[in-house]
Amino acid sequence: MLGFKTETEHMTVIIGIDPGSRRTGYGIIRLEGNRHIYLASGYLDLTSYPVSERLRQIFLGLQTVIQTYQPHEAAIEQVFMQENANSALKLGQARGAAIVALDMPVAEYSARQVKKSVVGHGAANKDQVQFMVKRLLNLSGNLQPDAADALAVALCHAHARNLRNLGIHFR
C-alpha cells in the first residue's frame, strides 16, 4: 500500500476506569489523529449487591462493555491512600476486579495526574474535571460523576500516549 495507512489504523479505542466498590465508572473514547471522540460512558451501580458479590459484578459488567466496544488500550485510576484503611482495601479490590476484566495491559494514573492532564492542575475539584471532560469531548447535558471521572482517565491516557509518541514522559 505504498506506506499509506488506512483510516482504521489511525483510530484507537481507549477505555478509562474509575474503580469503586459502590460505583465503578467507565468511559470510552476513540482517537482519530489528535481528535478525542466520545463513544460511551456509564457506571456499574453495585450498591444493591452484597459486598461479597460486588467484585464479580464489576468483572461481568466490564466484560460486557469490553465486548461491546472492543477497546485497544485501557487505563485505570490508581488507589490513593485514604484515612480509612478498610475503604482503601475495598477500592483496591475493585481495581483488581476491573484490571482482570480488562484482560489487556492497563496503564495506571494517579488522581493528580488525571486532573493535571484534563484540567491543567492536579488539585482540581470534581466539578472542574466534569466541566473540562464535557468541553474536551464536546458533550452537552449532565454527565454522571463516576462516568466523567472514567472519561477523564481515558483522556489522560490519550494525552500521555501522545506525549510518549513525542518522546516526552508524562508525570
N, C-alpha and C. Protein backbone atom coordinates (compact mmCIF):
# COMPACT_ATOMS: atom_id res chain seq x y z
N MET A 1 0.81 -1.21 0.00
CA MET A 1 0.00 0.00 0.00
C MET A 1 0.85 1.27 0.00
N LEU A 2 2.08 1.24 -0.42
CA LEU A 2 2.91 2.43 -0.56
C LEU A 2 3.03 3.26 0.71
N GLY A 3 2.93 2.64 1.88
CA GLY A 3 3.13 3.37 3.13
C GLY A 3 1.94 4.16 3.62
N PHE A 4 0.81 4.10 2.93
CA PHE A 4 -0.37 4.83 3.40
C PHE A 4 -1.09 3.98 4.43
N LYS A 5 -1.58 4.64 5.45
CA LYS A 5 -2.34 3.93 6.47
C LYS A 5 -3.82 4.04 6.16
N THR A 6 -4.53 2.96 6.44
CA THR A 6 -5.97 3.01 6.26
C THR A 6 -6.57 3.82 7.40
N GLU A 7 -7.80 4.23 7.24
CA GLU A 7 -8.45 5.05 8.25
C GLU A 7 -8.54 4.32 9.59
N THR A 8 -8.78 3.01 9.58
CA THR A 8 -8.90 2.28 10.83
C THR A 8 -7.58 2.19 11.58
N GLU A 9 -6.46 2.27 10.89
CA GLU A 9 -5.17 2.24 11.56
C GLU A 9 -4.92 3.50 12.36
N HIS A 10 -5.61 4.58 12.04
CA HIS A 10 -5.47 5.83 12.76
C HIS A 10 -6.36 5.91 13.99
N MET A 11 -7.23 4.94 14.18
CA MET A 11 -8.21 5.00 15.27
C MET A 11 -7.85 4.02 16.37
N THR A 12 -7.77 4.55 17.57
CA THR A 12 -7.51 3.73 18.74
C THR A 12 -8.65 3.97 19.72
N VAL A 13 -9.22 2.89 20.24
CA VAL A 13 -10.29 2.99 21.23
C VAL A 13 -9.67 2.75 22.61
N ILE A 14 -9.95 3.69 23.53
CA ILE A 14 -9.42 3.63 24.89
C ILE A 14 -10.57 3.55 25.87
N ILE A 15 -10.44 2.65 26.84
CA ILE A 15 -11.40 2.59 27.95
C ILE A 15 -10.69 3.11 29.20
N GLY A 16 -11.36 4.01 29.90
CA GLY A 16 -10.87 4.50 31.18
C GLY A 16 -11.78 3.99 32.28
N ILE A 17 -11.19 3.64 33.41
CA ILE A 17 -11.96 3.09 34.53
C ILE A 17 -11.73 3.93 35.78
N ASP A 18 -12.82 4.28 36.45
CA ASP A 18 -12.78 4.91 37.77
C ASP A 18 -13.35 3.87 38.73
N PRO A 19 -12.46 3.10 39.38
CA PRO A 19 -12.93 1.98 40.20
C PRO A 19 -13.56 2.44 41.51
N GLY A 20 -14.53 1.68 41.95
CA GLY A 20 -15.16 1.94 43.23
C GLY A 20 -15.92 0.71 43.68
N SER A 21 -16.06 0.54 44.98
CA SER A 21 -16.76 -0.64 45.49
C SER A 21 -18.28 -0.44 45.49
N ARG A 22 -18.73 0.83 45.35
CA ARG A 22 -20.17 1.11 45.27
C ARG A 22 -20.60 1.46 43.84
N ARG A 23 -19.72 2.17 43.13
CA ARG A 23 -19.95 2.52 41.73
C ARG A 23 -18.61 2.50 41.01
N THR A 24 -18.54 1.78 39.91
CA THR A 24 -17.35 1.77 39.07
C THR A 24 -17.71 2.44 37.75
N GLY A 25 -17.01 3.54 37.47
CA GLY A 25 -17.29 4.28 36.25
C GLY A 25 -16.45 3.77 35.09
N TYR A 26 -16.99 3.90 33.88
CA TYR A 26 -16.23 3.57 32.68
C TYR A 26 -16.49 4.66 31.64
N GLY A 27 -15.47 4.91 30.84
CA GLY A 27 -15.59 5.89 29.77
C GLY A 27 -14.80 5.40 28.57
N ILE A 28 -15.37 5.53 27.40
CA ILE A 28 -14.72 5.02 26.20
C ILE A 28 -14.63 6.14 25.17
N ILE A 29 -13.41 6.35 24.69
CA ILE A 29 -13.17 7.35 23.66
C ILE A 29 -12.43 6.71 22.49
N ARG A 30 -12.52 7.35 21.35
CA ARG A 30 -11.77 6.92 20.19
C ARG A 30 -10.85 8.06 19.77
N LEU A 31 -9.61 7.72 19.49
CA LEU A 31 -8.66 8.70 18.99
C LEU A 31 -8.65 8.64 17.48
N GLU A 32 -8.82 9.76 16.86
CA GLU A 32 -8.68 9.87 15.40
C GLU A 32 -7.69 11.00 15.18
N GLY A 33 -6.44 10.63 14.97
CA GLY A 33 -5.38 11.64 14.89
C GLY A 33 -5.26 12.32 16.24
N ASN A 34 -5.46 13.63 16.28
CA ASN A 34 -5.41 14.38 17.53
C ASN A 34 -6.79 14.62 18.13
N ARG A 35 -7.83 14.09 17.50
CA ARG A 35 -9.19 14.28 18.00
C ARG A 35 -9.58 13.17 18.97
N HIS A 36 -10.31 13.56 20.01
CA HIS A 36 -10.84 12.63 21.00
C HIS A 36 -12.35 12.59 20.81
N ILE A 37 -12.86 11.43 20.46
CA ILE A 37 -14.28 11.29 20.16
C ILE A 37 -14.95 10.41 21.21
N TYR A 38 -16.00 10.94 21.79
CA TYR A 38 -16.77 10.22 22.80
C TYR A 38 -17.51 9.05 22.16
N LEU A 39 -17.38 7.87 22.77
CA LEU A 39 -18.15 6.72 22.31
C LEU A 39 -19.23 6.34 23.33
N ALA A 40 -18.83 6.24 24.60
CA ALA A 40 -19.79 5.80 25.62
C ALA A 40 -19.24 6.07 27.01
N SER A 41 -20.13 6.10 27.97
CA SER A 41 -19.72 6.18 29.37
C SER A 41 -20.88 5.73 30.23
N GLY A 42 -20.57 5.43 31.45
CA GLY A 42 -21.59 5.00 32.39
C GLY A 42 -20.94 4.51 33.66
N TYR A 43 -21.72 3.83 34.44
CA TYR A 43 -21.18 3.27 35.68
C TYR A 43 -21.94 2.02 36.04
N LEU A 44 -21.25 1.18 36.77
CA LEU A 44 -21.85 -0.03 37.30
C LEU A 44 -22.30 0.30 38.72
N ASP A 45 -23.60 0.25 38.96
CA ASP A 45 -24.14 0.53 40.30
C ASP A 45 -24.14 -0.77 41.09
N LEU A 46 -23.27 -0.82 42.07
CA LEU A 46 -23.06 -2.05 42.84
C LEU A 46 -23.75 -2.01 44.20
N THR A 47 -24.46 -0.91 44.49
CA THR A 47 -25.00 -0.70 45.84
C THR A 47 -26.05 -1.73 46.23
N SER A 48 -26.73 -2.34 45.27
CA SER A 48 -27.78 -3.30 45.63
C SER A 48 -27.23 -4.71 45.87
N TYR A 49 -25.94 -4.89 45.61
CA TYR A 49 -25.35 -6.22 45.78
C TYR A 49 -24.65 -6.33 47.14
N PRO A 50 -24.66 -7.52 47.72
CA PRO A 50 -23.86 -7.71 48.94
C PRO A 50 -22.38 -7.53 48.60
N VAL A 51 -21.61 -7.13 49.57
CA VAL A 51 -20.19 -6.86 49.35
C VAL A 51 -19.50 -8.04 48.68
N SER A 52 -19.86 -9.25 49.06
CA SER A 52 -19.22 -10.44 48.51
C SER A 52 -19.49 -10.62 47.01
N GLU A 53 -20.54 -10.00 46.48
CA GLU A 53 -20.92 -10.16 45.07
C GLU A 53 -20.42 -9.00 44.20
N ARG A 54 -20.00 -7.91 44.80
CA ARG A 54 -19.66 -6.70 44.04
C ARG A 54 -18.49 -6.90 43.08
N LEU A 55 -17.47 -7.62 43.50
CA LEU A 55 -16.30 -7.82 42.64
C LEU A 55 -16.68 -8.62 41.39
N ARG A 56 -17.51 -9.61 41.57
CA ARG A 56 -17.99 -10.40 40.43
C ARG A 56 -18.79 -9.53 39.47
N GLN A 57 -19.61 -8.64 40.01
CA GLN A 57 -20.42 -7.75 39.17
C GLN A 57 -19.55 -6.73 38.42
N ILE A 58 -18.46 -6.28 39.03
CA ILE A 58 -17.52 -5.40 38.32
C ILE A 58 -16.94 -6.16 37.14
N PHE A 59 -16.48 -7.37 37.41
CA PHE A 59 -15.89 -8.20 36.36
C PHE A 59 -16.88 -8.42 35.21
N LEU A 60 -18.07 -8.89 35.53
CA LEU A 60 -19.06 -9.20 34.49
C LEU A 60 -19.52 -7.95 33.75
N GLY A 61 -19.75 -6.87 34.47
CA GLY A 61 -20.20 -5.63 33.84
C GLY A 61 -19.17 -5.07 32.88
N LEU A 62 -17.90 -5.06 33.30
CA LEU A 62 -16.86 -4.54 32.41
C LEU A 62 -16.61 -5.47 31.24
N GLN A 63 -16.76 -6.75 31.44
CA GLN A 63 -16.62 -7.70 30.32
C GLN A 63 -17.65 -7.38 29.24
N THR A 64 -18.86 -7.05 29.63
CA THR A 64 -19.91 -6.69 28.67
C THR A 64 -19.54 -5.43 27.91
N VAL A 65 -19.06 -4.43 28.63
CA VAL A 65 -18.64 -3.17 28.00
C VAL A 65 -17.50 -3.43 27.00
N ILE A 66 -16.55 -4.24 27.40
CA ILE A 66 -15.39 -4.55 26.55
C ILE A 66 -15.84 -5.29 25.29
N GLN A 67 -16.73 -6.24 25.44
CA GLN A 67 -17.22 -6.97 24.27
C GLN A 67 -17.97 -6.05 23.31
N THR A 68 -18.64 -5.06 23.86
CA THR A 68 -19.41 -4.13 23.03
C THR A 68 -18.50 -3.17 22.27
N TYR A 69 -17.50 -2.59 22.95
CA TYR A 69 -16.71 -1.50 22.34
C TYR A 69 -15.31 -1.92 21.88
N GLN A 70 -14.87 -3.11 22.24
CA GLN A 70 -13.58 -3.65 21.77
C GLN A 70 -12.43 -2.64 21.90
N PRO A 71 -12.15 -2.14 23.11
CA PRO A 71 -11.06 -1.18 23.26
C PRO A 71 -9.70 -1.80 22.95
N HIS A 72 -8.80 -0.96 22.44
CA HIS A 72 -7.43 -1.38 22.15
C HIS A 72 -6.51 -1.14 23.34
N GLU A 73 -6.83 -0.14 24.15
CA GLU A 73 -5.99 0.23 25.28
C GLU A 73 -6.88 0.55 26.48
N ALA A 74 -6.29 0.39 27.68
CA ALA A 74 -7.05 0.60 28.91
C ALA A 74 -6.23 1.41 29.90
N ALA A 75 -6.94 2.18 30.71
CA ALA A 75 -6.30 2.96 31.77
C ALA A 75 -7.21 2.95 32.98
N ILE A 76 -6.60 3.01 34.16
CA ILE A 76 -7.35 2.99 35.41
C ILE A 76 -6.71 3.94 36.40
N GLU A 77 -7.54 4.48 37.28
CA GLU A 77 -7.02 5.36 38.31
C GLU A 77 -6.39 4.53 39.42
N GLN A 78 -5.25 4.99 39.91
CA GLN A 78 -4.55 4.31 41.00
C GLN A 78 -5.30 4.51 42.31
N VAL A 79 -5.02 3.62 43.26
CA VAL A 79 -5.56 3.77 44.61
C VAL A 79 -4.81 4.90 45.28
N PHE A 80 -5.55 5.80 45.89
CA PHE A 80 -4.91 6.82 46.71
C PHE A 80 -5.12 6.43 48.16
N MET A 81 -4.15 6.71 48.99
CA MET A 81 -4.24 6.29 50.39
C MET A 81 -5.28 7.13 51.10
N GLN A 82 -6.25 6.48 51.65
CA GLN A 82 -7.30 7.16 52.39
C GLN A 82 -7.05 7.02 53.88
N GLU A 83 -7.72 7.84 54.65
CA GLU A 83 -7.59 7.73 56.10
C GLU A 83 -8.17 6.42 56.61
N ASN A 84 -9.19 5.92 55.93
CA ASN A 84 -9.86 4.70 56.32
C ASN A 84 -9.23 3.52 55.56
N ALA A 85 -8.50 2.67 56.27
CA ALA A 85 -7.83 1.53 55.63
C ALA A 85 -8.82 0.57 55.00
N ASN A 86 -9.99 0.40 55.61
CA ASN A 86 -11.00 -0.51 55.06
C ASN A 86 -11.50 0.00 53.70
N SER A 87 -11.69 1.31 53.57
CA SER A 87 -12.11 1.89 52.27
C SER A 87 -11.03 1.69 51.22
N ALA A 88 -9.78 1.89 51.60
CA ALA A 88 -8.67 1.71 50.66
C ALA A 88 -8.59 0.25 50.20
N LEU A 89 -8.82 -0.68 51.11
CA LEU A 89 -8.80 -2.10 50.77
C LEU A 89 -9.91 -2.44 49.78
N LYS A 90 -11.12 -1.94 50.03
CA LYS A 90 -12.25 -2.20 49.12
C LYS A 90 -11.98 -1.59 47.75
N LEU A 91 -11.40 -0.39 47.72
CA LEU A 91 -11.07 0.25 46.45
C LEU A 91 -10.03 -0.58 45.70
N GLY A 92 -9.04 -1.09 46.42
CA GLY A 92 -8.02 -1.94 45.80
C GLY A 92 -8.62 -3.21 45.22
N GLN A 93 -9.57 -3.79 45.91
CA GLN A 93 -10.23 -4.99 45.40
C GLN A 93 -11.03 -4.68 44.15
N ALA A 94 -11.72 -3.54 44.13
CA ALA A 94 -12.50 -3.14 42.95
C ALA A 94 -11.55 -2.91 41.76
N ARG A 95 -10.41 -2.30 42.01
CA ARG A 95 -9.42 -2.09 40.94
C ARG A 95 -8.95 -3.43 40.39
N GLY A 96 -8.68 -4.37 41.29
CA GLY A 96 -8.22 -5.69 40.87
C GLY A 96 -9.24 -6.39 39.99
N ALA A 97 -10.50 -6.34 40.38
CA ALA A 97 -11.56 -6.97 39.58
C ALA A 97 -11.64 -6.30 38.20
N ALA A 98 -11.49 -4.98 38.17
CA ALA A 98 -11.55 -4.25 36.89
C ALA A 98 -10.36 -4.62 36.01
N ILE A 99 -9.18 -4.68 36.58
CA ILE A 99 -7.97 -5.00 35.81
C ILE A 99 -8.06 -6.39 35.21
N VAL A 100 -8.55 -7.35 35.99
CA VAL A 100 -8.71 -8.72 35.48
C VAL A 100 -9.76 -8.75 34.36
N ALA A 101 -10.83 -7.99 34.51
CA ALA A 101 -11.89 -7.96 33.49
C ALA A 101 -11.36 -7.37 32.18
N LEU A 102 -10.46 -6.40 32.26
CA LEU A 102 -9.96 -5.74 31.05
C LEU A 102 -9.16 -6.70 30.18
N ASP A 103 -8.43 -7.62 30.78
CA ASP A 103 -7.69 -8.65 30.05
C ASP A 103 -6.78 -8.07 28.95
N MET A 104 -6.08 -6.99 29.30
CA MET A 104 -5.11 -6.36 28.41
C MET A 104 -4.18 -5.53 29.29
N PRO A 105 -3.04 -5.10 28.79
CA PRO A 105 -2.19 -4.22 29.60
C PRO A 105 -2.98 -2.97 30.00
N VAL A 106 -2.80 -2.54 31.23
CA VAL A 106 -3.55 -1.41 31.77
C VAL A 106 -2.58 -0.35 32.28
N ALA A 107 -2.70 0.87 31.77
CA ALA A 107 -1.91 1.99 32.26
C ALA A 107 -2.58 2.52 33.53
N GLU A 108 -1.77 2.93 34.49
CA GLU A 108 -2.30 3.43 35.75
C GLU A 108 -1.87 4.87 35.94
N TYR A 109 -2.82 5.70 36.39
CA TYR A 109 -2.55 7.12 36.61
C TYR A 109 -3.10 7.53 37.97
N SER A 110 -2.36 8.40 38.63
CA SER A 110 -2.83 8.92 39.91
C SER A 110 -3.94 9.93 39.66
N ALA A 111 -4.75 10.18 40.67
CA ALA A 111 -5.81 11.18 40.55
C ALA A 111 -5.20 12.54 40.19
N ARG A 112 -4.06 12.84 40.75
CA ARG A 112 -3.38 14.11 40.46
C ARG A 112 -2.97 14.20 38.98
N GLN A 113 -2.44 13.11 38.44
CA GLN A 113 -2.07 13.09 37.02
C GLN A 113 -3.29 13.29 36.12
N VAL A 114 -4.39 12.63 36.46
CA VAL A 114 -5.61 12.74 35.67
C VAL A 114 -6.10 14.18 35.68
N LYS A 115 -6.18 14.78 36.86
CA LYS A 115 -6.65 16.15 36.97
C LYS A 115 -5.73 17.13 36.24
N LYS A 116 -4.44 16.93 36.38
CA LYS A 116 -3.48 17.81 35.71
C LYS A 116 -3.62 17.71 34.19
N SER A 117 -3.81 16.50 33.70
CA SER A 117 -3.93 16.28 32.27
C SER A 117 -5.19 16.90 31.68
N VAL A 118 -6.30 16.81 32.40
CA VAL A 118 -7.59 17.25 31.88
C VAL A 118 -7.88 18.72 32.19
N VAL A 119 -7.54 19.14 33.40
CA VAL A 119 -7.89 20.50 33.84
C VAL A 119 -6.69 21.45 33.76
N GLY A 120 -5.49 20.91 33.97
CA GLY A 120 -4.31 21.77 33.93
C GLY A 120 -3.62 21.91 35.27
N HIS A 121 -4.30 21.47 36.34
CA HIS A 121 -3.64 21.44 37.65
C HIS A 121 -4.18 20.27 38.46
N GLY A 122 -3.27 19.69 39.26
CA GLY A 122 -3.58 18.45 39.96
C GLY A 122 -4.50 18.57 41.14
N ALA A 123 -4.85 19.80 41.54
CA ALA A 123 -5.72 19.99 42.70
C ALA A 123 -7.14 20.36 42.28
N ALA A 124 -7.50 20.11 41.04
CA ALA A 124 -8.83 20.46 40.54
C ALA A 124 -9.92 19.69 41.29
N ASN A 125 -11.10 20.30 41.40
CA ASN A 125 -12.20 19.61 42.06
C ASN A 125 -13.03 18.85 41.03
N LYS A 126 -13.98 18.05 41.52
CA LYS A 126 -14.78 17.19 40.63
C LYS A 126 -15.58 18.00 39.60
N ASP A 127 -16.10 19.16 40.00
CA ASP A 127 -16.86 19.99 39.05
C ASP A 127 -15.98 20.47 37.91
N GLN A 128 -14.75 20.86 38.23
CA GLN A 128 -13.82 21.31 37.19
C GLN A 128 -13.48 20.19 36.23
N VAL A 129 -13.25 18.99 36.76
CA VAL A 129 -12.96 17.83 35.92
C VAL A 129 -14.14 17.55 35.01
N GLN A 130 -15.33 17.52 35.58
CA GLN A 130 -16.53 17.24 34.80
C GLN A 130 -16.72 18.28 33.69
N PHE A 131 -16.52 19.54 34.01
CA PHE A 131 -16.66 20.62 33.02
C PHE A 131 -15.68 20.42 31.87
N MET A 132 -14.42 20.15 32.19
CA MET A 132 -13.40 20.01 31.15
C MET A 132 -13.60 18.74 30.31
N VAL A 133 -14.05 17.66 30.92
CA VAL A 133 -14.33 16.44 30.16
C VAL A 133 -15.42 16.73 29.13
N LYS A 134 -16.48 17.40 29.56
CA LYS A 134 -17.56 17.74 28.64
C LYS A 134 -17.05 18.65 27.53
N ARG A 135 -16.21 19.57 27.87
CA ARG A 135 -15.68 20.52 26.88
C ARG A 135 -14.74 19.81 25.88
N LEU A 136 -13.83 18.98 26.41
CA LEU A 136 -12.88 18.29 25.55
C LEU A 136 -13.55 17.30 24.61
N LEU A 137 -14.66 16.73 25.05
CA LEU A 137 -15.36 15.73 24.23
C LEU A 137 -16.60 16.30 23.55
N ASN A 138 -16.79 17.62 23.69
CA ASN A 138 -17.91 18.30 23.05
C ASN A 138 -19.25 17.68 23.43
N LEU A 139 -19.45 17.48 24.73
CA LEU A 139 -20.69 16.88 25.24
C LEU A 139 -21.56 17.96 25.86
N SER A 140 -22.87 17.77 25.78
CA SER A 140 -23.79 18.68 26.45
C SER A 140 -24.60 17.87 27.45
N GLY A 141 -25.30 18.55 28.31
CA GLY A 141 -26.11 17.86 29.29
C GLY A 141 -25.29 17.40 30.48
N ASN A 142 -25.96 16.67 31.36
CA ASN A 142 -25.29 16.20 32.57
C ASN A 142 -24.48 14.94 32.29
N LEU A 143 -23.40 14.82 33.02
CA LEU A 143 -22.54 13.65 32.93
C LEU A 143 -22.41 13.10 34.34
N GLN A 144 -22.78 11.86 34.55
CA GLN A 144 -22.71 11.25 35.88
C GLN A 144 -21.26 11.34 36.38
N PRO A 145 -21.03 11.69 37.65
CA PRO A 145 -19.66 11.91 38.16
C PRO A 145 -18.69 10.74 37.97
N ASP A 146 -19.12 9.51 38.20
CA ASP A 146 -18.21 8.37 38.03
C ASP A 146 -17.86 8.16 36.56
N ALA A 147 -18.82 8.41 35.68
CA ALA A 147 -18.58 8.31 34.24
C ALA A 147 -17.63 9.42 33.80
N ALA A 148 -17.82 10.64 34.32
CA ALA A 148 -16.94 11.77 33.99
C ALA A 148 -15.51 11.47 34.44
N ASP A 149 -15.36 10.91 35.62
CA ASP A 149 -14.02 10.57 36.13
C ASP A 149 -13.36 9.51 35.25
N ALA A 150 -14.14 8.53 34.81
CA ALA A 150 -13.60 7.48 33.94
C ALA A 150 -13.19 8.05 32.58
N LEU A 151 -14.00 8.94 32.04
CA LEU A 151 -13.64 9.60 30.78
C LEU A 151 -12.37 10.43 30.96
N ALA A 152 -12.22 11.05 32.13
CA ALA A 152 -11.00 11.82 32.43
C ALA A 152 -9.78 10.91 32.42
N VAL A 153 -9.92 9.70 32.95
CA VAL A 153 -8.82 8.73 32.95
C VAL A 153 -8.47 8.36 31.51
N ALA A 154 -9.49 8.13 30.67
CA ALA A 154 -9.24 7.79 29.26
C ALA A 154 -8.55 8.96 28.55
N LEU A 155 -8.99 10.18 28.80
CA LEU A 155 -8.36 11.36 28.20
C LEU A 155 -6.92 11.52 28.67
N CYS A 156 -6.69 11.28 29.95
CA CYS A 156 -5.33 11.35 30.50
C CYS A 156 -4.43 10.35 29.77
N HIS A 157 -4.93 9.15 29.57
CA HIS A 157 -4.14 8.14 28.86
C HIS A 157 -3.87 8.58 27.42
N ALA A 158 -4.86 9.15 26.76
CA ALA A 158 -4.68 9.63 25.39
C ALA A 158 -3.60 10.71 25.34
N HIS A 159 -3.63 11.62 26.30
CA HIS A 159 -2.63 12.70 26.35
C HIS A 159 -1.24 12.13 26.63
N ALA A 160 -1.15 11.23 27.60
CA ALA A 160 0.14 10.62 27.95
C ALA A 160 0.69 9.83 26.78
N ARG A 161 -0.19 9.14 26.08
CA ARG A 161 0.19 8.35 24.90
C ARG A 161 0.78 9.26 23.81
N ASN A 162 0.12 10.39 23.57
CA ASN A 162 0.62 11.35 22.58
C ASN A 162 1.97 11.92 22.98
N LEU A 163 2.13 12.20 24.28
CA LEU A 163 3.42 12.72 24.76
C LEU A 163 4.52 11.67 24.59
N ARG A 164 4.20 10.41 24.92
CA ARG A 164 5.19 9.33 24.75
C ARG A 164 5.61 9.21 23.30
N ASN A 165 4.65 9.36 22.39
CA ASN A 165 4.98 9.30 20.96
C ASN A 165 5.93 10.41 20.55
N LEU A 166 5.93 11.50 21.31
CA LEU A 166 6.85 12.62 21.05
C LEU A 166 8.15 12.49 21.84
N GLY A 167 8.27 11.40 22.62
CA GLY A 167 9.47 11.18 23.43
C GLY A 167 9.45 11.90 24.76
N ILE A 168 8.28 12.36 25.20
CA ILE A 168 8.13 13.07 26.47
C ILE A 168 7.43 12.15 27.45
N HIS A 169 7.96 12.04 28.67
CA HIS A 169 7.34 11.17 29.67
C HIS A 169 6.44 11.98 30.57
N PHE A 170 5.20 11.53 30.71
CA PHE A 170 4.16 12.20 31.50
C PHE A 170 4.32 11.84 32.96
N ARG A 171 4.34 12.84 33.82
CA ARG A 171 4.43 12.59 35.27
C ARG A 171 3.31 13.28 35.97
